[in-house]
Amino acid sequence: MFHPLVLSLFLYFPEDKSEYIPAAISFMIFLIGAFFTMRLIIKVSKREADRAKELEDKILKKQTPNQDS
């Protein structure tokens, strides 16, 4: 399917391992950013679920007396 020469163009393993440092730093920055973004999404989702539950309870309380009459 792919020629081995084409695939080998994308592989680069530097002899000087200090070239990995900028990649590791940017990886850590994005990893930390992804972690905090996920925590924010979970927090907002829980808040919205609580609001929806409160609204549901409020609507059910209003409907209950009307059904008895």
N, C-alpha and C. Protein backbone atom coordinates (compact mmCIF):
# COMPACT_ATOMS: atom_id res chain seq x y z
N MET A 1 0.83 -1.19 0.00
CA MET A 1 0.00 0.00 0.00
C MET A 1 0.88 1.25 0.00
N PHE A 2 1.68 1.44 1.07
CA PHE A 2 2.61 2.56 1.12
C PHE A 2 4.02 2.03 0.87
N HIS A 3 4.76 2.80 0.18
CA HIS A 3 6.15 2.43 -0.07
C HIS A 3 6.96 2.68 1.21
N PRO A 4 7.86 1.78 1.60
CA PRO A 4 8.63 1.95 2.84
C PRO A 4 9.43 3.25 2.89
N LEU A 5 9.87 3.73 1.74
CA LEU A 5 10.63 4.97 1.71
C LEU A 5 9.76 6.14 2.16
N VAL A 6 8.50 6.15 1.75
CA VAL A 6 7.59 7.22 2.13
C VAL A 6 7.36 7.21 3.64
N LEU A 7 7.19 6.04 4.20
CA LEU A 7 6.97 5.95 5.64
C LEU A 7 8.21 6.34 6.43
N SER A 8 9.37 6.04 5.90
CA SER A 8 10.59 6.36 6.62
C SER A 8 10.88 7.86 6.63
N LEU A 9 10.26 8.62 5.76
CA LEU A 9 10.46 10.07 5.75
C LEU A 9 9.86 10.72 7.00
N PHE A 10 8.84 10.12 7.59
CA PHE A 10 8.18 10.70 8.75
C PHE A 10 8.85 10.31 10.06
N LEU A 11 9.75 9.36 10.04
CA LEU A 11 10.44 8.94 11.25
C LEU A 11 11.76 9.69 11.38
N TYR A 12 11.92 10.30 12.57
CA TYR A 12 13.15 11.03 12.82
C TYR A 12 13.52 10.83 14.28
N PHE A 13 14.62 10.16 14.53
CA PHE A 13 15.09 9.96 15.88
C PHE A 13 16.44 10.66 16.01
N PRO A 14 16.45 11.82 16.66
CA PRO A 14 17.69 12.60 16.71
C PRO A 14 18.76 11.93 17.59
N GLU A 15 19.98 12.13 17.20
CA GLU A 15 21.10 11.63 17.99
C GLU A 15 21.23 12.43 19.28
N ASP A 16 21.01 13.74 19.18
CA ASP A 16 21.07 14.62 20.35
C ASP A 16 19.72 14.59 21.05
N LYS A 17 19.67 13.94 22.20
CA LYS A 17 18.39 13.75 22.90
C LYS A 17 17.83 15.04 23.48
N SER A 18 18.62 16.12 23.48
CA SER A 18 18.11 17.40 23.99
C SER A 18 17.06 17.99 23.05
N GLU A 19 16.96 17.47 21.85
CA GLU A 19 15.94 17.94 20.92
C GLU A 19 14.55 17.47 21.35
N TYR A 20 14.47 16.53 22.26
CA TYR A 20 13.18 16.07 22.78
C TYR A 20 12.60 17.03 23.82
N ILE A 21 13.42 17.88 24.40
CA ILE A 21 12.98 18.75 25.49
C ILE A 21 11.85 19.69 25.05
N PRO A 22 11.95 20.43 23.93
CA PRO A 22 10.84 21.30 23.54
C PRO A 22 9.54 20.52 23.28
N ALA A 23 9.68 19.34 22.71
CA ALA A 23 8.50 18.52 22.46
C ALA A 23 7.87 18.07 23.77
N ALA A 24 8.69 17.70 24.73
CA ALA A 24 8.18 17.27 26.03
C ALA A 24 7.50 18.42 26.76
N ILE A 25 8.08 19.60 26.67
CA ILE A 25 7.49 20.78 27.32
C ILE A 25 6.14 21.11 26.69
N SER A 26 6.07 21.14 25.38
CA SER A 26 4.79 21.46 24.73
C SER A 26 3.76 20.36 24.99
N PHE A 27 4.21 19.11 25.05
CA PHE A 27 3.29 18.02 25.38
C PHE A 27 2.72 18.20 26.77
N MET A 28 3.57 18.54 27.74
CA MET A 28 3.09 18.73 29.11
C MET A 28 2.12 19.90 29.20
N ILE A 29 2.39 20.98 28.48
CA ILE A 29 1.49 22.14 28.48
C ILE A 29 0.12 21.72 27.96
N PHE A 30 0.09 21.03 26.84
CA PHE A 30 -1.19 20.60 26.28
C PHE A 30 -1.88 19.55 27.14
N LEU A 31 -1.11 18.67 27.78
CA LEU A 31 -1.70 17.67 28.67
C LEU A 31 -2.36 18.33 29.87
N ILE A 32 -1.68 19.30 30.46
CA ILE A 32 -2.24 20.02 31.60
C ILE A 32 -3.47 20.82 31.16
N GLY A 33 -3.38 21.45 29.99
CA GLY A 33 -4.54 22.18 29.46
C GLY A 33 -5.73 21.27 29.21
N ALA A 34 -5.48 20.08 28.68
CA ALA A 34 -6.56 19.12 28.43
C ALA A 34 -7.16 18.64 29.74
N PHE A 35 -6.33 18.44 30.75
CA PHE A 35 -6.83 18.00 32.07
C PHE A 35 -7.76 19.06 32.66
N PHE A 36 -7.32 20.31 32.67
CA PHE A 36 -8.16 21.36 33.24
C PHE A 36 -9.41 21.61 32.41
N THR A 37 -9.31 21.47 31.11
CA THR A 37 -10.50 21.62 30.26
C THR A 37 -11.51 20.53 30.56
N MET A 38 -11.04 19.31 30.74
CA MET A 38 -11.95 18.20 31.06
C MET A 38 -12.60 18.42 32.41
N ARG A 39 -11.84 18.88 33.40
CA ARG A 39 -12.40 19.17 34.72
C ARG A 39 -13.46 20.26 34.62
N LEU A 40 -13.22 21.29 33.80
CA LEU A 40 -14.18 22.36 33.61
C LEU A 40 -15.46 21.83 32.96
N ILE A 41 -15.32 20.98 31.96
CA ILE A 41 -16.49 20.41 31.30
C ILE A 41 -17.30 19.57 32.28
N ILE A 42 -16.65 18.79 33.11
CA ILE A 42 -17.36 17.96 34.09
C ILE A 42 -18.08 18.85 35.10
N LYS A 43 -17.42 19.90 35.55
CA LYS A 43 -18.02 20.81 36.53
C LYS A 43 -19.26 21.49 35.97
N VAL A 44 -19.17 22.00 34.76
CA VAL A 44 -20.31 22.67 34.13
C VAL A 44 -21.43 21.67 33.87
N SER A 45 -21.09 20.47 33.47
CA SER A 45 -22.09 19.44 33.22
C SER A 45 -22.85 19.08 34.49
N LYS A 46 -22.13 18.95 35.62
CA LYS A 46 -22.80 18.65 36.88
C LYS A 46 -23.73 19.79 37.28
N ARG A 47 -23.27 21.02 37.08
CA ARG A 47 -24.09 22.19 37.42
C ARG A 47 -25.36 22.21 36.58
N GLU A 48 -25.24 21.94 35.30
CA GLU A 48 -26.42 21.90 34.43
C GLU A 48 -27.35 20.75 34.79
N ALA A 49 -26.80 19.61 35.18
CA ALA A 49 -27.63 18.49 35.59
C ALA A 49 -28.41 18.82 36.86
N ASP A 50 -27.76 19.51 37.79
CA ASP A 50 -28.45 19.92 39.02
C ASP A 50 -29.57 20.91 38.71
N ARG A 51 -29.31 21.85 37.83
CA ARG A 51 -30.35 22.82 37.44
C ARG A 51 -31.52 22.12 36.75
N ALA A 52 -31.22 21.16 35.90
CA ALA A 52 -32.29 20.42 35.21
C ALA A 52 -33.11 19.61 36.21
N LYS A 53 -32.45 19.03 37.21
CA LYS A 53 -33.15 18.26 38.24
C LYS A 53 -34.06 19.17 39.06
N GLU A 54 -33.56 20.35 39.42
CA GLU A 54 -34.38 21.31 40.16
C GLU A 54 -35.59 21.74 39.35
N LEU A 55 -35.40 22.01 38.08
CA LEU A 55 -36.50 22.42 37.21
C LEU A 55 -37.51 21.29 37.07
N GLU A 56 -37.03 20.08 36.94
CA GLU A 56 -37.91 18.91 36.84
C GLU A 56 -38.74 18.75 38.11
N ASP A 57 -38.09 18.88 39.27
CA ASP A 57 -38.81 18.77 40.54
C ASP A 57 -39.86 19.88 40.67
N LYS A 58 -39.48 21.08 40.25
CA LYS A 58 -40.40 22.22 40.32
C LYS A 58 -41.62 21.98 39.44
N ILE A 59 -41.41 21.48 38.24
CA ILE A 59 -42.52 21.21 37.32
C ILE A 59 -43.40 20.09 37.86
N LEU A 60 -42.78 19.04 38.40
CA LEU A 60 -43.56 17.92 38.94
C LEU A 60 -44.38 18.36 40.15
N LYS A 61 -43.86 19.25 40.98
CA LYS A 61 -44.60 19.76 42.14
C LYS A 61 -45.81 20.58 41.69
N LYS A 62 -45.66 21.33 40.60
CA LYS A 62 -46.78 22.13 40.09
C LYS A 62 -47.86 21.23 39.49
N GLN A 63 -47.45 20.13 38.88
CA GLN A 63 -48.42 19.24 38.22
C GLN A 63 -49.15 18.36 39.22
N THR A 64 -48.54 18.02 40.32
CA THR A 64 -49.14 17.10 41.27
C THR A 64 -50.46 17.63 41.86
N PRO A 65 -50.55 18.89 42.35
CA PRO A 65 -51.84 19.37 42.85
C PRO A 65 -52.90 19.45 41.75
N ASN A 66 -52.54 19.74 40.54
CA ASN A 66 -53.50 19.85 39.44
C ASN A 66 -54.08 18.49 39.07
N GLN A 67 -53.34 17.43 39.23
CA GLN A 67 -53.81 16.11 38.89
C GLN A 67 -54.81 15.59 39.93
N ASP A 68 -54.70 16.03 41.19
CA ASP A 68 -55.61 15.59 42.23
C ASP A 68 -57.00 16.19 42.09
N SER A 69 -57.15 17.38 41.50
CA SER A 69 -58.45 18.03 41.42
C SER A 69 -59.30 17.59 40.29
